[in-house]
Amino acid sequence: MSVLRLKLPTDPRWVNIVEKNIEEILTDHAWCEQKAATNAITIITNNSEHQDLVKDLLALAKEEIDHFEQVHNIIIKRGLKLGRERKDDYVNELYLYMKKSGTGSRVSALVERLLFSAMIEARSCERFKVLSENIQDEELAVFYRDLMESEAGHYTTFITYARKYGVGIDVEKRWREWLEFEESVIANYGKNETIHG
């Protein structure tokens, strides 16, 4: 997972917490997929002049909704219930950082939103890898391995567009700053049965 350049790996013991409440992790995961689709639509709404970005993020949003459906189907198959939408403190901390990091220009707003999105996808991808390698539930191990590959593709999409449309911005420098900030945030998580918890 070094390709993601995350500074702090998830402790595999987090999976022991997850395994105690599968309904909770699946509910949280389902809502993460819904939020990811909504985020992609928001980026499209605010940047509709970029035809290639619109096309790729429409495909990404459809994929996220498909993942939501897949998680929901697992919930139903297991006789569990999709709980109410969960607050994601990790994502909220990243969101506040994104909001205060922009310079006020449309280009800066787009780059920050794309890096915010890439950061969430990178951490989700890493968490799915940890789940796939450590969870005792065979069906979920396979499911999370498959999703891990998809999330890695989404991460790449967001980073690629940040580089493409970040004219006048040192995107690599900003990404390094995002990675450092995320390390300070994720250090406080890994204790709950949620995707970013």
Protein backbone atom coordinates (compact mmCIF):
# COMPACT_ATOMS: atom_id res chain seq x y z
CA MET A 1 0.00 0.00 0.00
CA SER A 2 3.05 2.24 -0.18
CA VAL A 3 1.61 3.61 -3.42
CA LEU A 4 -0.98 5.42 -1.25
CA ARG A 5 1.85 7.09 0.71
CA LEU A 6 -0.11 6.96 3.98
CA LYS A 7 2.15 7.78 6.91
CA LEU A 8 0.46 5.72 9.64
CA PRO A 9 -0.76 2.17 8.96
CA THR A 10 -3.86 0.81 10.68
CA ASP A 11 -3.14 -1.55 13.57
CA PRO A 12 -4.54 -4.96 12.49
CA ARG A 13 -6.04 -5.34 15.99
CA TRP A 14 -8.70 -2.85 14.83
CA VAL A 15 -10.27 -5.84 13.02
CA ASN A 16 -10.84 -7.55 16.40
CA ILE A 17 -13.05 -4.58 17.36
CA VAL A 18 -14.86 -4.74 14.01
CA GLU A 19 -15.58 -8.47 14.33
CA LYS A 20 -17.51 -7.90 17.56
CA ASN A 21 -20.13 -5.84 15.71
CA ILE A 22 -20.45 -6.76 12.02
CA GLU A 23 -23.83 -5.01 11.72
CA GLU A 24 -22.23 -1.73 12.79
CA ILE A 25 -19.29 -1.91 10.36
CA LEU A 26 -21.61 -2.86 7.48
CA THR A 27 -24.02 -0.03 8.27
CA ASP A 28 -21.18 2.47 8.54
CA HIS A 29 -19.64 1.15 5.33
CA ALA A 30 -22.91 1.44 3.41
CA TRP A 31 -23.24 5.12 4.38
CA CYS A 32 -19.57 5.75 3.48
CA GLU A 33 -20.36 4.56 -0.05
CA GLN A 34 -23.43 6.82 -0.23
CA LYS A 35 -21.38 9.82 0.93
CA ALA A 36 -18.67 9.02 -1.62
CA ALA A 37 -21.26 9.05 -4.41
CA THR A 38 -22.70 12.34 -3.12
CA ASN A 39 -19.21 13.84 -2.94
CA ALA A 40 -18.53 12.94 -6.59
CA ILE A 41 -21.83 14.56 -7.64
CA THR A 42 -20.93 17.70 -5.66
CA ILE A 43 -17.60 17.97 -7.50
CA ILE A 44 -19.43 17.59 -10.83
CA THR A 45 -21.98 20.24 -9.85
CA ASN A 46 -19.26 22.77 -9.02
CA ASN A 47 -16.97 21.97 -11.97
CA SER A 48 -19.26 21.03 -14.84
CA GLU A 49 -17.06 22.81 -17.44
CA HIS A 50 -14.51 19.96 -17.23
CA GLN A 51 -16.07 17.36 -19.50
CA ASP A 52 -13.54 14.60 -18.78
CA LEU A 53 -13.86 15.10 -15.03
CA VAL A 54 -17.68 14.98 -15.28
CA LYS A 55 -17.55 11.76 -17.31
CA ASP A 56 -15.13 10.01 -14.95
CA LEU A 57 -16.84 11.17 -11.76
CA LEU A 58 -20.25 10.08 -13.06
CA ALA A 59 -18.77 6.59 -13.53
CA LEU A 60 -17.22 6.79 -10.06
CA ALA A 61 -20.53 7.88 -8.46
CA LYS A 62 -22.33 4.96 -10.12
CA GLU A 63 -19.69 2.59 -8.80
CA GLU A 64 -20.06 3.97 -5.26
CA ILE A 65 -23.84 3.51 -5.40
CA ASP A 66 -23.26 -0.04 -6.67
CA HIS A 67 -21.02 -0.63 -3.64
CA PHE A 68 -23.76 0.76 -1.38
CA GLU A 69 -26.14 -1.79 -2.92
CA GLN A 70 -23.63 -4.62 -2.48
CA VAL A 71 -23.17 -3.80 1.21
CA HIS A 72 -26.94 -3.49 1.66
CA ASN A 73 -27.42 -6.90 0.05
CA ILE A 74 -24.93 -8.44 2.50
CA ILE A 75 -26.83 -6.80 5.38
CA ILE A 76 -30.14 -8.26 4.13
CA LYS A 77 -28.64 -11.71 3.41
CA ARG A 78 -27.36 -11.90 6.98
CA GLY A 79 -30.70 -10.88 8.49
CA LEU A 80 -29.24 -7.61 9.77
CA LYS A 81 -30.64 -4.09 9.45
CA LEU A 82 -29.21 -1.00 7.79
CA GLY A 83 -29.01 1.46 10.66
CA ARG A 84 -29.32 5.21 10.45
CA GLU A 85 -26.59 7.25 8.80
CA ARG A 86 -23.52 7.60 11.01
CA LYS A 87 -21.49 10.72 11.70
CA ASP A 88 -17.91 10.28 10.46
CA ASP A 89 -15.63 12.31 12.75
CA TYR A 90 -12.52 11.42 10.72
CA VAL A 91 -14.04 12.73 7.47
CA ASN A 92 -15.36 15.82 9.29
CA GLU A 93 -11.83 16.67 10.48
CA LEU A 94 -10.53 16.34 6.92
CA TYR A 95 -13.43 18.46 5.66
CA LEU A 96 -12.61 21.30 8.06
CA TYR A 97 -8.97 21.16 6.96
CA MET A 98 -10.07 21.33 3.31
CA LYS A 99 -12.30 24.34 4.00
CA LYS A 100 -9.54 26.35 5.67
CA SER A 101 -6.83 25.32 3.16
CA GLY A 102 -8.27 26.91 0.01
CA THR A 103 -7.12 30.31 -1.20
CA GLY A 104 -10.61 31.37 -2.31
CA SER A 105 -10.09 30.69 -6.02
CA ARG A 106 -12.16 28.13 -7.93
CA VAL A 107 -8.98 26.27 -8.93
CA SER A 108 -7.85 26.04 -5.31
CA ALA A 109 -11.33 24.89 -4.20
CA LEU A 110 -11.31 22.14 -6.83
CA VAL A 111 -7.79 20.96 -5.96
CA GLU A 112 -8.56 20.89 -2.22
CA ARG A 113 -11.82 18.98 -2.81
CA LEU A 114 -10.02 16.45 -5.02
CA LEU A 115 -7.22 15.97 -2.46
CA PHE A 116 -9.80 15.63 0.33
CA SER A 117 -11.52 12.94 -1.78
CA ALA A 118 -8.24 11.18 -2.60
CA MET A 119 -7.31 11.13 1.10
CA ILE A 120 -10.57 9.43 2.10
CA GLU A 121 -10.26 6.90 -0.73
CA ALA A 122 -6.63 6.15 0.23
CA ARG A 123 -7.50 5.51 3.87
CA SER A 124 -10.60 3.49 2.95
CA CYS A 125 -8.50 1.40 0.57
CA GLU A 126 -5.95 0.78 3.32
CA ARG A 127 -8.69 -0.17 5.82
CA PHE A 128 -10.26 -2.57 3.29
CA LYS A 129 -6.85 -4.21 2.83
CA VAL A 130 -6.46 -4.64 6.60
CA LEU A 131 -9.98 -6.11 6.79
CA SER A 132 -9.40 -8.47 3.85
CA GLU A 133 -6.18 -9.80 5.40
CA ASN A 134 -7.34 -10.14 9.01
CA ILE A 135 -11.08 -10.73 9.25
CA GLN A 136 -12.10 -14.31 10.01
CA ASP A 137 -15.32 -14.04 7.96
CA GLU A 138 -14.34 -15.50 4.57
CA GLU A 139 -17.13 -13.83 2.58
CA LEU A 140 -16.20 -10.41 3.94
CA ALA A 141 -12.47 -11.03 3.40
CA VAL A 142 -13.11 -11.60 -0.33
CA PHE A 143 -15.57 -8.69 -0.52
CA TYR A 144 -13.11 -6.22 1.01
CA ARG A 145 -10.24 -7.44 -1.17
CA ASP A 146 -12.36 -6.70 -4.28
CA LEU A 147 -13.39 -3.28 -2.95
CA MET A 148 -9.80 -2.41 -2.09
CA GLU A 149 -8.88 -2.48 -5.79
CA SER A 150 -11.81 -0.25 -6.68
CA GLU A 151 -10.95 2.30 -3.98
CA ALA A 152 -7.35 2.43 -5.21
CA GLY A 153 -8.70 3.33 -8.67
CA HIS A 154 -10.83 6.13 -7.19
CA TYR A 155 -7.82 7.51 -5.31
CA THR A 156 -5.88 7.61 -8.59
CA THR A 157 -8.76 9.39 -10.38
CA PHE A 158 -8.91 12.19 -7.79
CA ILE A 159 -5.12 12.68 -7.65
CA THR A 160 -4.88 12.69 -11.47
CA TYR A 161 -7.51 15.44 -11.82
CA ALA A 162 -5.94 17.52 -9.03
CA ARG A 163 -2.68 17.45 -10.99
CA LYS A 164 -4.42 18.15 -14.30
CA TYR A 165 -6.53 21.11 -13.19
CA GLY A 166 -4.33 22.49 -10.41
CA VAL A 167 -2.78 25.14 -12.65
CA GLY A 168 -0.54 27.43 -10.62
CA ILE A 169 -0.74 25.19 -7.53
CA ASP A 170 2.05 22.91 -6.29
CA VAL A 171 -0.23 19.88 -6.03
CA GLU A 172 2.57 17.56 -4.90
CA LYS A 173 3.41 19.91 -2.03
CA ARG A 174 -0.26 20.16 -1.07
CA TRP A 175 -0.60 16.36 -1.19
CA ARG A 176 2.40 15.95 1.14
CA GLU A 177 0.74 18.45 3.53
CA TRP A 178 -2.52 16.50 3.34
CA LEU A 179 -0.66 13.27 4.14
CA GLU A 180 1.00 14.88 7.17
CA PHE A 181 -2.29 16.30 8.41
CA GLU A 182 -4.06 12.96 7.94
CA GLU A 183 -1.36 11.21 9.98
CA SER A 184 -2.11 13.51 12.92
CA VAL A 185 -5.85 12.84 12.56
CA ILE A 186 -5.85 9.04 12.06
CA ALA A 187 -3.59 8.60 15.12
CA ASN A 188 -6.73 9.28 17.22
CA TYR A 189 -8.80 6.56 15.49
CA GLY A 190 -8.75 2.77 15.14
CA LYS A 191 -10.80 2.07 18.26
CA ASN A 192 -14.33 1.77 16.82
CA GLU A 193 -16.17 -0.64 14.56
CA THR A 194 -16.49 1.88 11.73
CA ILE A 195 -14.55 2.17 8.47
CA HIS A 196 -12.61 5.22 9.66
CA GLY A 197 -13.21 4.74 13.41
